[in-house]
C-alpha atoms as a PDB file:
ATOM      1  CA  MET A   1       0.029  -0.007  -0.024  1.00  0.00           C
ATOM      2  CA  ILE A   2       1.014   3.550  -0.573  1.00  0.00           C
ATOM      3  CA  GLN A   3       0.411   6.502   1.794  1.00  0.00           C
ATOM      4  CA  HIS A   4       0.166   9.822  -0.090  1.00  0.00           C
ATOM      5  CA  VAL A   5       0.774  12.844   2.063  1.00  0.00           C
ATOM      6  CA  VAL A   6       0.353  16.415   0.526  1.00  0.00           C
ATOM      7  CA  MET A   7       0.626  19.635   2.320  1.00  0.00           C
ATOM      8  CA  TRP A   8      -0.387  23.045   1.137  1.00  0.00           C
ATOM      9  CA  ARG A   9       0.115  26.620   2.206  1.00  0.00           C
ATOM     10  CA  LEU A  10      -2.765  28.624   0.877  1.00  0.00           C
ATOM     11  CA  ILE A  11      -3.073  32.148  -0.488  1.00  0.00           C
ATOM     12  CA  ASP A  12      -4.331  34.882   1.784  1.00  0.00           C
ATOM     13  CA  LEU A  13      -7.991  34.078   2.530  1.00  0.00           C
ATOM     14  CA  ASP A  14     -10.202  35.487   5.084  1.00  0.00           C
ATOM     15  CA  ASP A  15     -11.477  32.959   7.688  1.00  0.00           C
ATOM     16  CA  ALA A  16     -14.878  32.397   5.992  1.00  0.00           C
ATOM     17  CA  GLU A  17     -13.198  31.843   2.636  1.00  0.00           C
ATOM     18  CA  ARG A  18     -10.682  29.453   4.086  1.00  0.00           C
ATOM     19  CA  ALA A  19     -13.323  27.513   6.126  1.00  0.00           C
ATOM     20  CA  ALA A  20     -15.665  27.176   3.048  1.00  0.00           C
ATOM     21  CA  ALA A  21     -12.686  26.098   0.749  1.00  0.00           C
ATOM     22  CA  LEU A  22     -11.613  23.387   3.255  1.00  0.00           C
ATOM     23  CA  LYS A  23     -15.127  22.072   3.737  1.00  0.00           C
ATOM     24  CA  ARG A  24     -15.631  21.748  -0.032  1.00  0.00           C
ATOM     25  CA  PHE A  25     -12.171  20.363  -0.637  1.00  0.00           C
ATOM     26  CA  GLY A  26     -12.718  17.549   2.004  1.00  0.00           C
ATOM     27  CA  THR A  27     -16.188  16.832   0.849  1.00  0.00           C
ATOM     28  CA  GLU A  28     -15.192  16.454  -2.708  1.00  0.00           C
ATOM     29  CA  LEU A  29     -12.068  14.423  -1.873  1.00  0.00           C
ATOM     30  CA  GLN A  30     -14.065  12.080   0.290  1.00  0.00           C
ATOM     31  CA  ALA A  31     -16.445  11.509  -2.561  1.00  0.00           C
ATOM     32  CA  LEU A  32     -13.575   9.896  -4.437  1.00  0.00           C
ATOM     33  CA  VAL A  33     -13.303   7.054  -2.148  1.00  0.00           C
ATOM     34  CA  GLY A  34     -15.251   4.177  -3.995  1.00  0.00           C
ATOM     35  CA  VAL A  35     -15.147   6.157  -7.252  1.00  0.00           C
ATOM     36  CA  VAL A  36     -11.297   5.911  -7.993  1.00  0.00           C
ATOM     37  CA  PRO A  37     -10.170   2.423  -8.218  1.00  0.00           C
ATOM     38  CA  GLY A  38      -7.602   1.526  -5.505  1.00  0.00           C
ATOM     39  CA  LEU A  39      -8.327   4.608  -3.326  1.00  0.00           C
ATOM     40  CA  LEU A  40      -8.965   3.301   0.101  1.00  0.00           C
ATOM     41  CA  SER A  41      -9.106   6.248   2.327  1.00  0.00           C
ATOM     42  CA  VAL A  42      -8.812   9.983   2.491  1.00  0.00           C
ATOM     43  CA  ALA A  43      -8.306  12.377   5.442  1.00  0.00           C
ATOM     44  CA  LEU A  44      -7.845  16.149   5.388  1.00  0.00           C
ATOM     45  CA  THR A  45      -6.292  17.573   8.332  1.00  0.00           C
ATOM     46  CA  PRO A  46      -6.148  21.443   8.795  1.00  0.00           C
ATOM     47  CA  ASP A  47      -3.334  22.953  10.872  1.00  0.00           C
ATOM     48  CA  VAL A  48      -4.468  23.945  14.567  1.00  0.00           C
ATOM     49  CA  ARG A  49      -1.193  25.798  15.558  1.00  0.00           C
ATOM     50  CA  ASP A  50      -1.353  28.610  13.012  1.00  0.00           C
ATOM     51  CA  ALA A  51       2.433  28.761  13.098  1.00  0.00           C
ATOM     52  CA  GLU A  52       3.888  30.770  10.255  1.00  0.00           C
ATOM     53  CA  SER A  53       6.303  27.923   9.392  1.00  0.00           C
ATOM     54  CA  ASN A  54       3.364  25.255   9.243  1.00  0.00           C
ATOM     55  CA  PHE A  55       1.542  24.413   6.192  1.00  0.00           C
ATOM     56  CA  ASP A  56      -2.051  25.202   6.418  1.00  0.00           C
ATOM     57  CA  VAL A  57      -3.626  21.804   5.525  1.00  0.00           C
ATOM     58  CA  ALA A  58      -2.430  18.289   4.891  1.00  0.00           C
ATOM     59  CA  LEU A  59      -4.060  15.394   2.872  1.00  0.00           C
ATOM     60  CA  ILE A  60      -3.359  11.767   3.866  1.00  0.00           C
ATOM     61  CA  SER A  61      -4.677   9.204   1.367  1.00  0.00           C
ATOM     62  CA  ILE A  62      -4.051   5.540   1.242  1.00  0.00           C
ATOM     63  CA  HIS A  63      -3.868   3.649  -2.034  1.00  0.00           C
ATOM     64  CA  GLU A  64      -3.716  -0.088  -2.762  1.00  0.00           C
ATOM     65  CA  SER A  65      -0.474   0.322  -4.855  1.00  0.00           C
ATOM     66  CA  ARG A  66       1.768   2.720  -6.760  1.00  0.00           C
ATOM     67  CA  GLU A  67      -0.444   2.031  -9.855  1.00  0.00           C
ATOM     68  CA  ALA A  68      -3.511   3.014  -7.888  1.00  0.00           C
ATOM     69  CA  LEU A  69      -1.880   6.291  -6.764  1.00  0.00           C
ATOM     70  CA  ALA A  70      -1.145   6.958 -10.432  1.00  0.00           C
ATOM     71  CA  THR A  71      -4.725   6.208 -11.296  1.00  0.00           C
ATOM     72  CA  TYR A  72      -5.867   8.617  -8.539  1.00  0.00           C
ATOM     73  CA  GLN A  73      -3.520  11.461  -9.753  1.00  0.00           C
ATOM     74  CA  SER A  74      -4.842  11.260 -13.381  1.00  0.00           C
ATOM     75  CA  HIS A  75      -8.578  10.483 -12.591  1.00  0.00           C
ATOM     76  CA  PRO A  76     -10.764  13.130 -14.180  1.00  0.00           C
ATOM     77  CA  GLU A  77     -12.696  13.784 -11.010  1.00  0.00           C
ATOM     78  CA  HIS A  78      -9.461  14.163  -9.091  1.00  0.00           C
ATOM     79  CA  VAL A  79      -8.076  16.557 -11.797  1.00  0.00           C
ATOM     80  CA  ALA A  80     -11.369  18.658 -11.523  1.00  0.00           C
ATOM     81  CA  ILE A  81     -10.809  19.271  -7.820  1.00  0.00           C
ATOM     82  CA  GLY A  82      -7.186  20.191  -8.339  1.00  0.00           C
ATOM     83  CA  THR A  83      -8.103  22.693 -10.861  1.00  0.00           C
ATOM     84  CA  TRP A  84     -10.120  24.903  -8.519  1.00  0.00           C
ATOM     85  CA  TRP A  85      -7.976  24.030  -5.439  1.00  0.00           C
ATOM     86  CA  GLY A  86      -4.920  24.956  -7.309  1.00  0.00           C
ATOM     87  CA  LEU A  87      -6.049  28.481  -7.560  1.00  0.00           C
ATOM     88  CA  LEU A  88      -5.904  28.747  -3.761  1.00  0.00           C
ATOM     89  CA  VAL A  89      -2.430  27.373  -3.298  1.00  0.00           C
ATOM     90  CA  ALA A  90       0.770  29.230  -2.555  1.00  0.00           C
ATOM     91  CA  GLN A  91       2.986  26.278  -1.902  1.00  0.00           C
ATOM     92  CA  ARG A  92       2.791  22.484  -1.946  1.00  0.00           C
ATOM     93  CA  GLY A  93       4.847  19.644  -0.628  1.00  0.00           C
ATOM     94  CA  ALA A  94       4.266  15.816  -0.840  1.00  0.00           C
ATOM     95  CA  VAL A  95       5.683  12.576   0.265  1.00  0.00           C
ATOM     96  CA  ASP A  96       4.688   9.197  -0.998  1.00  0.00           C
ATOM     97  CA  SER A  97       5.587   6.021   1.155  1.00  0.00           C
ATOM     98  CA  GLU A  98       5.062   2.350   1.102  1.00  0.00           C
ATOM     99  CA  ILE A  99       3.164   1.156   4.320  1.00  0.00           C
END
């Protein structure tokens, strides 16, 4: 199995915009479980410390295999989410690991 961890630092948003974006992002990502082959779970975790050095939010998703991760990344519904979400991103980091 592959654990896919992605962290984002968002552009400057007010609290209401940030909350709405995170809610929509989490809802849309959760909807991919059972739709994207090999995607086993998704967890979205907003930062609670609000430290300037921290990222704003992290995604942890579990995939059956490296091939399943590749399928997820190119799946049209995932790409559509990334299109609007990408407009809110100032910085991104990721780590993929075998578990």
